[in-house]
Amino acid sequence: MIHRTAPSRVTFAIVVAFFLALACGPARSGGEFCDISGGKLDACDGKLVQVTGKSDHHPEQHPMLAHDKEQQSYWDVNNAGQWVFVSDTAIDCRREVLVTGILDARTGPCDPKAQNKNQYCGTAVYVKTWQCK
C-alpha cells in the first residue's frame, strides 16, 4: 500500500510566497522598465527604470542618501536636472552612464511651504546595474 502525505504547511507557504513574489514584483509599463518619458516620475516611483546620466562634476546640494558602503554620485538626466545615483560601487564613467534601478521620485523633505532647505525635493535612482556609454 502506498501512502501519500499531504504537502506540509511550510511547503504550501513557500509555494504561495513564490507566486505572490512573481505576481507582485515591480510593475512594468509596456516593457521591462517603467516609462518616465514626459516627466511621469511619480507614476514610476518605487519601480524599475532605466536612464542615461551625463557626467556632472558640479554637484548641487543634495541630502546624503548612501549608507555604509554605498556610493552616491550626481548626474544630469534627460534635461530633468541633476539626479542622485546610489550604487554599491563607484560609477566611474567619464561622460555618460546607463543605469537600471529603482526610482525615488521625491527624495528629500519635499515641503514646498518651508522657507528653508526643507523645500528641497530631488530625484534618485537606487542602482542595480550600470554601464559606461
Protein backbone atom coordinates (compact mmCIF):
# COMPACT_ATOMS: atom_id res chain seq x y z
CA MET A 1 0.00 0.00 0.00
CA ILE A 2 1.37 3.40 -0.97
CA HIS A 3 0.77 6.21 1.48
CA ARG A 4 0.65 9.73 0.15
CA THR A 5 1.14 12.56 2.51
CA ALA A 6 -0.44 15.90 2.06
CA PRO A 7 2.02 18.73 1.37
CA SER A 8 3.17 20.32 4.57
CA ARG A 9 2.01 23.77 5.51
CA VAL A 10 5.58 25.02 5.16
CA THR A 11 5.78 23.75 1.57
CA PHE A 12 2.42 25.33 0.81
CA ALA A 13 3.53 28.66 2.31
CA ILE A 14 6.74 28.63 0.24
CA VAL A 15 4.82 27.95 -2.97
CA VAL A 16 2.30 30.72 -2.21
CA ALA A 17 5.10 33.17 -1.35
CA PHE A 18 6.89 32.37 -4.61
CA PHE A 19 3.82 33.04 -6.74
CA LEU A 20 2.99 36.22 -4.83
CA ALA A 21 6.53 37.48 -5.41
CA LEU A 22 6.13 36.87 -9.13
CA ALA A 23 2.71 38.48 -9.30
CA CYS A 24 3.55 41.46 -7.08
CA GLY A 25 7.03 42.24 -8.37
CA PRO A 26 8.00 45.66 -9.72
CA ALA A 27 5.31 47.00 -12.03
CA ARG A 28 6.30 47.32 -15.64
CA SER A 29 4.79 49.73 -18.12
CA GLY A 30 4.61 48.30 -21.61
CA GLY A 31 8.01 46.64 -21.23
CA GLU A 32 10.70 45.78 -18.80
CA PHE A 33 11.10 49.31 -17.38
CA CYS A 34 8.65 51.91 -16.17
CA ASP A 35 8.29 54.71 -18.74
CA ILE A 36 9.50 58.06 -17.38
CA SER A 37 9.19 59.92 -20.67
CA GLY A 38 7.18 63.09 -20.49
CA GLY A 39 8.12 63.63 -16.84
CA LYS A 40 5.94 60.80 -15.48
CA LEU A 41 8.18 60.38 -12.45
CA ASP A 42 5.51 59.99 -9.77
CA ALA A 43 3.88 57.14 -11.70
CA CYS A 44 7.23 55.29 -11.69
CA ASP A 45 8.15 55.96 -8.06
CA GLY A 46 9.45 52.75 -6.50
CA LYS A 47 9.57 50.96 -9.85
CA LEU A 48 12.38 49.73 -12.09
CA VAL A 49 13.64 52.36 -14.54
CA GLN A 50 16.49 52.73 -16.98
CA VAL A 51 18.04 56.16 -17.57
CA THR A 52 21.13 57.70 -19.10
CA GLY A 53 23.02 60.16 -16.99
CA LYS A 54 25.57 62.68 -18.23
CA SER A 55 28.54 63.44 -16.04
CA ASP A 56 28.18 66.50 -13.83
CA HIS A 57 31.28 67.48 -11.90
CA HIS A 58 29.48 70.33 -10.09
CA PRO A 59 27.05 68.71 -7.68
CA GLU A 60 24.20 70.77 -6.32
CA GLN A 61 23.07 70.44 -2.72
CA HIS A 62 21.52 67.04 -2.11
CA PRO A 63 20.78 65.03 1.02
CA MET A 64 23.09 62.14 1.78
CA LEU A 65 21.25 59.00 0.69
CA ALA A 66 24.10 56.50 0.61
CA HIS A 67 24.61 54.31 3.67
CA ASP A 68 27.54 52.21 4.85
CA LYS A 69 29.49 51.13 1.76
CA GLU A 70 27.18 52.64 -0.85
CA GLN A 71 28.37 55.33 -3.25
CA GLN A 72 26.46 58.49 -4.15
CA SER A 73 27.07 60.34 -7.41
CA TYR A 74 25.38 63.13 -9.37
CA TRP A 75 24.27 63.00 -12.99
CA ASP A 76 22.23 65.15 -15.38
CA VAL A 77 19.32 63.05 -16.60
CA ASN A 78 17.12 63.74 -19.64
CA ASN A 79 17.30 67.52 -19.21
CA ALA A 80 15.36 66.99 -15.96
CA GLY A 81 18.08 68.36 -13.71
CA GLN A 82 20.60 66.64 -11.54
CA TRP A 83 19.72 63.23 -10.10
CA VAL A 84 21.42 61.26 -7.36
CA PHE A 85 22.56 57.73 -8.23
CA VAL A 86 23.14 55.45 -5.22
CA SER A 87 25.18 52.36 -6.06
CA ASP A 88 27.19 49.59 -4.41
CA THR A 89 30.31 50.54 -6.39
CA ALA A 90 31.59 53.89 -7.61
CA ILE A 91 30.27 54.78 -11.05
CA ASP A 92 33.49 55.81 -12.77
CA CYS A 93 32.23 56.77 -16.23
CA ARG A 94 33.76 59.90 -17.75
CA ARG A 95 30.83 61.14 -19.84
CA GLU A 96 27.68 59.04 -19.73
CA VAL A 97 26.29 56.08 -17.85
CA LEU A 98 23.28 53.86 -18.47
CA VAL A 99 21.77 52.80 -15.15
CA THR A 100 19.00 50.41 -14.22
CA GLY A 101 17.47 50.74 -10.78
CA ILE A 102 14.61 51.69 -8.53
CA LEU A 103 13.35 55.26 -8.86
CA ASP A 104 12.78 57.50 -5.84
CA ALA A 105 10.86 60.35 -7.46
CA ARG A 106 10.67 62.55 -4.36
CA THR A 107 13.91 62.49 -2.38
CA GLY A 108 14.18 64.93 0.48
CA PRO A 109 11.73 66.76 2.69
CA CYS A 110 9.75 67.99 -0.34
CA ASP A 111 7.93 70.64 1.68
CA PRO A 112 7.02 73.48 -0.71
CA LYS A 113 5.78 75.66 2.19
CA ALA A 114 9.12 75.63 4.01
CA GLN A 115 11.23 78.74 3.87
CA ASN A 116 14.50 76.82 4.26
CA LYS A 117 16.30 73.79 2.83
CA ASN A 118 13.26 71.63 3.59
CA GLN A 119 11.86 72.84 0.27
CA TYR A 120 14.36 70.56 -1.46
CA CYS A 121 12.81 67.78 -3.49
CA GLY A 122 15.11 65.75 -5.71
CA THR A 123 15.17 62.54 -7.69
CA ALA A 124 17.29 59.45 -7.05
CA VAL A 125 17.88 56.04 -8.57
CA TYR A 126 19.00 53.14 -6.39
CA VAL A 127 21.21 51.49 -9.00
CA LYS A 128 21.06 47.75 -9.66
CA THR A 129 23.34 47.79 -12.74
CA TRP A 130 25.32 50.41 -14.63
CA GLN A 131 27.35 50.59 -17.82
CA CYS A 132 29.51 53.38 -19.23
CA LYS A 133 28.45 54.68 -22.66
